[in-house]
Amino acid sequence: MPSDNLTLIGLGLAGLFIVWLVFSMIKKVFGLVLLAALVIGAYVLWNNPAMLQSLLDTVGGFFGGR
């Protein structure tokens, strides 16, 4: 492990940059996966009216509907 202050500061900044880069990429990938899941779910419900009706009945039961 180097004991030079400038080297330690540089390694710390490089580590912070890598952590920031990883977390920003994870956030972006998570957003894209969530968007894809919503699109796929909407497509499945659009093409399966029985499943859509079942979902609406379940949601209506939670919120005091029929």
PDB file of N, CA and C in Angstrom:
ATOM      1  N   MET A   1       0.846  -1.179   0.000  1.00  0.00           N
ATOM      2  CA  MET A   1       0.000   0.000   0.000  1.00  0.00           C
ATOM      3  C   MET A   1       0.891   1.242   0.000  1.00  0.00           C
ATOM      4  N   PRO A   2       0.660   2.137  -0.953  1.00  0.00           N
ATOM      5  CA  PRO A   2       1.493   3.345  -1.000  1.00  0.00           C
ATOM      6  C   PRO A   2       1.197   4.274   0.181  1.00  0.00           C
ATOM      7  N   SER A   3       2.228   4.963   0.612  1.00  0.00           N
ATOM      8  CA  SER A   3       2.048   5.869   1.749  1.00  0.00           C
ATOM      9  C   SER A   3       2.109   7.335   1.323  1.00  0.00           C
ATOM     10  N   ASP A   4       2.289   7.592   0.036  1.00  0.00           N
ATOM     11  CA  ASP A   4       2.317   8.952  -0.480  1.00  0.00           C
ATOM     12  C   ASP A   4       0.897   9.526  -0.446  1.00  0.00           C
ATOM     13  N   ASN A   5       0.738  10.723   0.108  1.00  0.00           N
ATOM     14  CA  ASN A   5      -0.593  11.316   0.252  1.00  0.00           C
ATOM     15  C   ASN A   5      -1.285  11.543  -1.088  1.00  0.00           C
ATOM     16  N   LEU A   6      -0.569  11.999  -2.087  1.00  0.00           N
ATOM     17  CA  LEU A   6      -1.160  12.273  -3.388  1.00  0.00           C
ATOM     18  C   LEU A   6      -1.661  10.979  -4.040  1.00  0.00           C
ATOM     19  N   THR A   7      -0.907   9.905  -3.895  1.00  0.00           N
ATOM     20  CA  THR A   7      -1.329   8.619  -4.444  1.00  0.00           C
ATOM     21  C   THR A   7      -2.576   8.113  -3.735  1.00  0.00           C
ATOM     22  N   LEU A   8      -2.632   8.250  -2.415  1.00  0.00           N
ATOM     23  CA  LEU A   8      -3.810   7.817  -1.663  1.00  0.00           C
ATOM     24  C   LEU A   8      -5.044   8.628  -2.045  1.00  0.00           C
ATOM     25  N   ILE A   9      -4.869   9.930  -2.229  1.00  0.00           N
ATOM     26  CA  ILE A   9      -5.987  10.778  -2.641  1.00  0.00           C
ATOM     27  C   ILE A   9      -6.454  10.366  -4.036  1.00  0.00           C
ATOM     28  N   GLY A  10      -5.527  10.116  -4.929  1.00  0.00           N
ATOM     29  CA  GLY A  10      -5.883   9.681  -6.285  1.00  0.00           C
ATOM     30  C   GLY A  10      -6.611   8.346  -6.284  1.00  0.00           C
ATOM     31  N   LEU A  11      -6.136   7.400  -5.469  1.00  0.00           N
ATOM     32  CA  LEU A  11      -6.822   6.105  -5.379  1.00  0.00           C
ATOM     33  C   LEU A  11      -8.222   6.259  -4.786  1.00  0.00           C
ATOM     34  N   GLY A  12      -8.360   7.122  -3.799  1.00  0.00           N
ATOM     35  CA  GLY A  12      -9.678   7.367  -3.210  1.00  0.00           C
ATOM     36  C   GLY A  12     -10.646   7.976  -4.204  1.00  0.00           C
ATOM     37  N   LEU A  13     -10.164   8.966  -4.973  1.00  0.00           N
ATOM     38  CA  LEU A  13     -11.024   9.592  -5.981  1.00  0.00           C
ATOM     39  C   LEU A  13     -11.397   8.602  -7.081  1.00  0.00           C
ATOM     40  N   ALA A  14     -10.445   7.779  -7.489  1.00  0.00           N
ATOM     41  CA  ALA A  14     -10.738   6.760  -8.500  1.00  0.00           C
ATOM     42  C   ALA A  14     -11.765   5.760  -7.974  1.00  0.00           C
ATOM     43  N   GLY A  15     -11.642   5.368  -6.717  1.00  0.00           N
ATOM     44  CA  GLY A  15     -12.615   4.454  -6.113  1.00  0.00           C
ATOM     45  C   GLY A  15     -13.998   5.069  -6.040  1.00  0.00           C
ATOM     46  N   LEU A  16     -14.087   6.341  -5.649  1.00  0.00           N
ATOM     47  CA  LEU A  16     -15.377   7.025  -5.607  1.00  0.00           C
ATOM     48  C   LEU A  16     -16.006   7.126  -6.990  1.00  0.00           C
ATOM     49  N   PHE A  17     -15.175   7.403  -7.992  1.00  0.00           N
ATOM     50  CA  PHE A  17     -15.677   7.497  -9.355  1.00  0.00           C
ATOM     51  C   PHE A  17     -16.232   6.151  -9.829  1.00  0.00           C
ATOM     52  N   ILE A  18     -15.528   5.078  -9.525  1.00  0.00           N
ATOM     53  CA  ILE A  18     -15.986   3.744  -9.938  1.00  0.00           C
ATOM     54  C   ILE A  18     -17.283   3.383  -9.224  1.00  0.00           C
ATOM     55  N   VAL A  19     -17.389   3.676  -7.940  1.00  0.00           N
ATOM     56  CA  VAL A  19     -18.625   3.400  -7.194  1.00  0.00           C
ATOM     57  C   VAL A  19     -19.779   4.214  -7.777  1.00  0.00           C
ATOM     58  N   TRP A  20     -19.548   5.495  -8.069  1.00  0.00           N
ATOM     59  CA  TRP A  20     -20.580   6.337  -8.657  1.00  0.00           C
ATOM     60  C   TRP A  20     -21.016   5.788 -10.013  1.00  0.00           C
ATOM     61  N   LEU A  21     -20.057   5.364 -10.831  1.00  0.00           N
ATOM     62  CA  LEU A  21     -20.366   4.833 -12.157  1.00  0.00           C
ATOM     63  C   LEU A  21     -21.192   3.553 -12.056  1.00  0.00           C
ATOM     64  N   VAL A  22     -20.822   2.668 -11.150  1.00  0.00           N
ATOM     65  CA  VAL A  22     -21.553   1.401 -10.994  1.00  0.00           C
ATOM     66  C   VAL A  22     -22.980   1.669 -10.537  1.00  0.00           C
ATOM     67  N   PHE A  23     -23.162   2.515  -9.527  1.00  0.00           N
ATOM     68  CA  PHE A  23     -24.507   2.769  -9.031  1.00  0.00           C
ATOM     69  C   PHE A  23     -25.359   3.515 -10.043  1.00  0.00           C
ATOM     70  N   SER A  24     -24.789   4.414 -10.833  1.00  0.00           N
ATOM     71  CA  SER A  24     -25.581   5.099 -11.841  1.00  0.00           C
ATOM     72  C   SER A  24     -26.003   4.135 -12.942  1.00  0.00           C
ATOM     73  N   MET A  25     -25.148   3.180 -13.279  1.00  0.00           N
ATOM     74  CA  MET A  25     -25.516   2.187 -14.285  1.00  0.00           C
ATOM     75  C   MET A  25     -26.569   1.232 -13.735  1.00  0.00           C
ATOM     76  N   ILE A  26     -26.456   0.838 -12.460  1.00  0.00           N
ATOM     77  CA  ILE A  26     -27.458  -0.045 -11.853  1.00  0.00           C
ATOM     78  C   ILE A  26     -28.826   0.647 -11.834  1.00  0.00           C
ATOM     79  N   LYS A  27     -28.835   1.944 -11.519  1.00  0.00           N
ATOM     80  CA  LYS A  27     -30.077   2.700 -11.488  1.00  0.00           C
ATOM     81  C   LYS A  27     -30.710   2.750 -12.875  1.00  0.00           C
ATOM     82  N   LYS A  28     -29.899   2.968 -13.899  1.00  0.00           N
ATOM     83  CA  LYS A  28     -30.411   3.038 -15.261  1.00  0.00           C
ATOM     84  C   LYS A  28     -30.937   1.679 -15.721  1.00  0.00           C
ATOM     85  N   VAL A  29     -30.207   0.619 -15.431  1.00  0.00           N
ATOM     86  CA  VAL A  29     -30.630  -0.731 -15.827  1.00  0.00           C
ATOM     87  C   VAL A  29     -31.915  -1.108 -15.084  1.00  0.00           C
ATOM     88  N   PHE A  30     -32.016  -0.782 -13.799  1.00  0.00           N
ATOM     89  CA  PHE A  30     -33.223  -1.071 -13.029  1.00  0.00           C
ATOM     90  C   PHE A  30     -34.419  -0.341 -13.625  1.00  0.00           C
ATOM     91  N   GLY A  31     -34.245   0.899 -14.032  1.00  0.00           N
ATOM     92  CA  GLY A  31     -35.326   1.655 -14.661  1.00  0.00           C
ATOM     93  C   GLY A  31     -35.769   1.025 -15.970  1.00  0.00           C
ATOM     94  N   LEU A  32     -34.824   0.589 -16.776  1.00  0.00           N
ATOM     95  CA  LEU A  32     -35.168  -0.048 -18.040  1.00  0.00           C
ATOM     96  C   LEU A  32     -35.875  -1.382 -17.826  1.00  0.00           C
ATOM     97  N   VAL A  33     -35.430  -2.156 -16.846  1.00  0.00           N
ATOM     98  CA  VAL A  33     -36.080  -3.433 -16.545  1.00  0.00           C
ATOM     99  C   VAL A  33     -37.501  -3.188 -16.036  1.00  0.00           C
ATOM    100  N   LEU A  34     -37.696  -2.202 -15.197  1.00  0.00           N
ATOM    101  CA  LEU A  34     -39.023  -1.876 -14.696  1.00  0.00           C
ATOM    102  C   LEU A  34     -39.943  -1.434 -15.825  1.00  0.00           C
ATOM    103  N   LEU A  35     -39.437  -0.615 -16.723  1.00  0.00           N
ATOM    104  CA  LEU A  35     -40.233  -0.176 -17.874  1.00  0.00           C
ATOM    105  C   LEU A  35     -40.602  -1.357 -18.762  1.00  0.00           C
ATOM    106  N   ALA A  36     -39.658  -2.258 -19.007  1.00  0.00           N
ATOM    107  CA  ALA A  36     -39.935  -3.441 -19.824  1.00  0.00           C
ATOM    108  C   ALA A  36     -40.986  -4.326 -19.160  1.00  0.00           C
ATOM    109  N   ALA A  37     -40.921  -4.488 -17.838  1.00  0.00           N
ATOM    110  CA  ALA A  37     -41.909  -5.302 -17.124  1.00  0.00           C
ATOM    111  C   ALA A  37     -43.298  -4.693 -17.233  1.00  0.00           C
ATOM    112  N   LEU A  38     -43.400  -3.377 -17.142  1.00  0.00           N
ATOM    113  CA  LEU A  38     -44.699  -2.721 -17.281  1.00  0.00           C
ATOM    114  C   LEU A  38     -45.260  -2.889 -18.689  1.00  0.00           C
ATOM    115  N   VAL A  39     -44.413  -2.762 -19.689  1.00  0.00           N
ATOM    116  CA  VAL A  39     -44.862  -2.924 -21.075  1.00  0.00           C
ATOM    117  C   VAL A  39     -45.315  -4.358 -21.328  1.00  0.00           C
ATOM    118  N   ILE A  40     -44.543  -5.326 -20.861  1.00  0.00           N
ATOM    119  CA  ILE A  40     -44.910  -6.737 -21.054  1.00  0.00           C
ATOM    120  C   ILE A  40     -46.203  -7.051 -20.306  1.00  0.00           C
ATOM    121  N   GLY A  41     -46.344  -6.550 -19.090  1.00  0.00           N
ATOM    122  CA  GLY A  41     -47.570  -6.778 -18.324  1.00  0.00           C
ATOM    123  C   GLY A  41     -48.786  -6.167 -19.007  1.00  0.00           C
ATOM    124  N   ALA A  42     -48.648  -4.959 -19.534  1.00  0.00           N
ATOM    125  CA  ALA A  42     -49.757  -4.326 -20.249  1.00  0.00           C
ATOM    126  C   ALA A  42     -50.114  -5.120 -21.506  1.00  0.00           C
ATOM    127  N   TYR A  43     -49.113  -5.628 -22.205  1.00  0.00           N
ATOM    128  CA  TYR A  43     -49.345  -6.421 -23.412  1.00  0.00           C
ATOM    129  C   TYR A  43     -50.091  -7.718 -23.069  1.00  0.00           C
ATOM    130  N   VAL A  44     -49.680  -8.381 -21.992  1.00  0.00           N
ATOM    131  CA  VAL A  44     -50.338  -9.626 -21.579  1.00  0.00           C
ATOM    132  C   VAL A  44     -51.787  -9.353 -21.191  1.00  0.00           C
ATOM    133  N   LEU A  45     -52.035  -8.279 -20.432  1.00  0.00           N
ATOM    134  CA  LEU A  45     -53.401  -7.958 -20.033  1.00  0.00           C
ATOM    135  C   LEU A  45     -54.251  -7.542 -21.228  1.00  0.00           C
ATOM    136  N   TRP A  46     -53.668  -6.844 -22.184  1.00  0.00           N
ATOM    137  CA  TRP A  46     -54.392  -6.414 -23.379  1.00  0.00           C
ATOM    138  C   TRP A  46     -54.845  -7.624 -24.192  1.00  0.00           C
ATOM    139  N   ASN A  47     -54.028  -8.661 -24.244  1.00  0.00           N
ATOM    140  CA  ASN A  47     -54.328  -9.835 -25.059  1.00  0.00           C
ATOM    141  C   ASN A  47     -55.062 -10.928 -24.292  1.00  0.00           C
ATOM    142  N   ASN A  48     -55.324 -10.755 -23.000  1.00  0.00           N
ATOM    143  CA  ASN A  48     -56.002 -11.768 -22.209  1.00  0.00           C
ATOM    144  C   ASN A  48     -57.087 -11.087 -21.370  1.00  0.00           C
ATOM    145  N   PRO A  49     -58.297 -10.914 -21.962  1.00  0.00           N
ATOM    146  CA  PRO A  49     -59.360 -10.197 -21.249  1.00  0.00           C
ATOM    147  C   PRO A  49     -59.792 -10.865 -19.941  1.00  0.00           C
ATOM    148  N   ALA A  50     -59.717 -12.197 -19.865  1.00  0.00           N
ATOM    149  CA  ALA A  50     -60.102 -12.870 -18.619  1.00  0.00           C
ATOM    150  C   ALA A  50     -59.146 -12.500 -17.490  1.00  0.00           C
ATOM    151  N   MET A  51     -57.863 -12.427 -17.789  1.00  0.00           N
ATOM    152  CA  MET A  51     -56.879 -12.043 -16.773  1.00  0.00           C
ATOM    153  C   MET A  51     -57.075 -10.581 -16.373  1.00  0.00           C
ATOM    154  N   LEU A  52     -57.392  -9.732 -17.338  1.00  0.00           N
ATOM    155  CA  LEU A  52     -57.646  -8.323 -17.047  1.00  0.00           C
ATOM    156  C   LEU A  52     -58.855  -8.183 -16.123  1.00  0.00           C
ATOM    157  N   GLN A  53     -59.926  -8.928 -16.412  1.00  0.00           N
ATOM    158  CA  GLN A  53     -61.117  -8.858 -15.564  1.00  0.00           C
ATOM    159  C   GLN A  53     -60.819  -9.353 -14.152  1.00  0.00           C
ATOM    160  N   SER A  54     -60.032 -10.417 -14.052  1.00  0.00           N
ATOM    161  CA  SER A  54     -59.649 -10.933 -12.735  1.00  0.00           C
ATOM    162  C   SER A  54     -58.844  -9.889 -11.966  1.00  0.00           C
ATOM    163  N   LEU A  55     -57.921  -9.218 -12.634  1.00  0.00           N
ATOM    164  CA  LEU A  55     -57.128  -8.174 -11.988  1.00  0.00           C
ATOM    165  C   LEU A  55     -58.012  -7.024 -11.531  1.00  0.00           C
ATOM    166  N   LEU A  56     -58.946  -6.609 -12.380  1.00  0.00           N
ATOM    167  CA  LEU A  56     -59.836  -5.509 -12.007  1.00  0.00           C
ATOM    168  C   LEU A  56     -60.728  -5.898 -10.834  1.00  0.00           C
ATOM    169  N   ASP A  57     -61.188  -7.154 -10.795  1.00  0.00           N
ATOM    170  CA  ASP A  57     -61.979  -7.601  -9.649  1.00  0.00           C
ATOM    171  C   ASP A  57     -61.157  -7.588  -8.365  1.00  0.00           C
ATOM    172  N   THR A  58     -59.909  -8.020  -8.452  1.00  0.00           N
ATOM    173  CA  THR A  58     -59.035  -8.036  -7.273  1.00  0.00           C
ATOM    174  C   THR A  58     -58.766  -6.626  -6.773  1.00  0.00           C
ATOM    175  N   VAL A  59     -58.441  -5.719  -7.688  1.00  0.00           N
ATOM    176  CA  VAL A  59     -58.171  -4.332  -7.301  1.00  0.00           C
ATOM    177  C   VAL A  59     -59.433  -3.686  -6.743  1.00  0.00           C
ATOM    178  N   GLY A  60     -60.577  -3.970  -7.371  1.00  0.00           N
ATOM    179  CA  GLY A  60     -61.838  -3.441  -6.866  1.00  0.00           C
ATOM    180  C   GLY A  60     -62.154  -3.944  -5.476  1.00  0.00           C
ATOM    181  N   GLY A  61     -61.806  -5.199  -5.176  1.00  0.00           N
ATOM    182  CA  GLY A  61     -62.012  -5.737  -3.834  1.00  0.00           C
ATOM    183  C   GLY A  61     -61.159  -5.049  -2.796  1.00  0.00           C
ATOM    184  N   PHE A  62     -59.954  -4.670  -3.165  1.00  0.00           N
ATOM    185  CA  PHE A  62     -59.072  -3.968  -2.218  1.00  0.00           C
ATOM    186  C   PHE A  62     -59.570  -2.567  -1.903  1.00  0.00           C
ATOM    187  N   PHE A  63     -60.174  -1.918  -2.884  1.00  0.00           N
ATOM    188  CA  PHE A  63     -60.570  -0.524  -2.720  1.00  0.00           C
ATOM    189  C   PHE A  63     -62.061  -0.364  -2.487  1.00  0.00           C
ATOM    190  N   GLY A  64     -62.746  -1.443  -2.132  1.00  0.00           N
ATOM    191  CA  GLY A  64     -64.156  -1.335  -1.769  1.00  0.00           C
ATOM    192  C   GLY A  64     -65.101  -1.283  -2.950  1.00  0.00           C
ATOM    193  N   GLY A  65     -64.653  -1.784  -4.083  1.00  0.00           N
ATOM    194  CA  GLY A  65     -65.527  -1.842  -5.257  1.00  0.00           C
ATOM    195  C   GLY A  65     -66.546  -2.941  -5.093  1.00  0.00           C
ATOM    196  N   ARG A  66     -66.961  -3.511  -6.186  1.00  0.00           N
ATOM    197  CA  ARG A  66     -67.993  -4.557  -6.152  1.00  0.00           C
ATOM    198  C   ARG A  66     -67.663  -5.740  -5.341  1.00  0.00           C
TER     199      ARG A  66
END
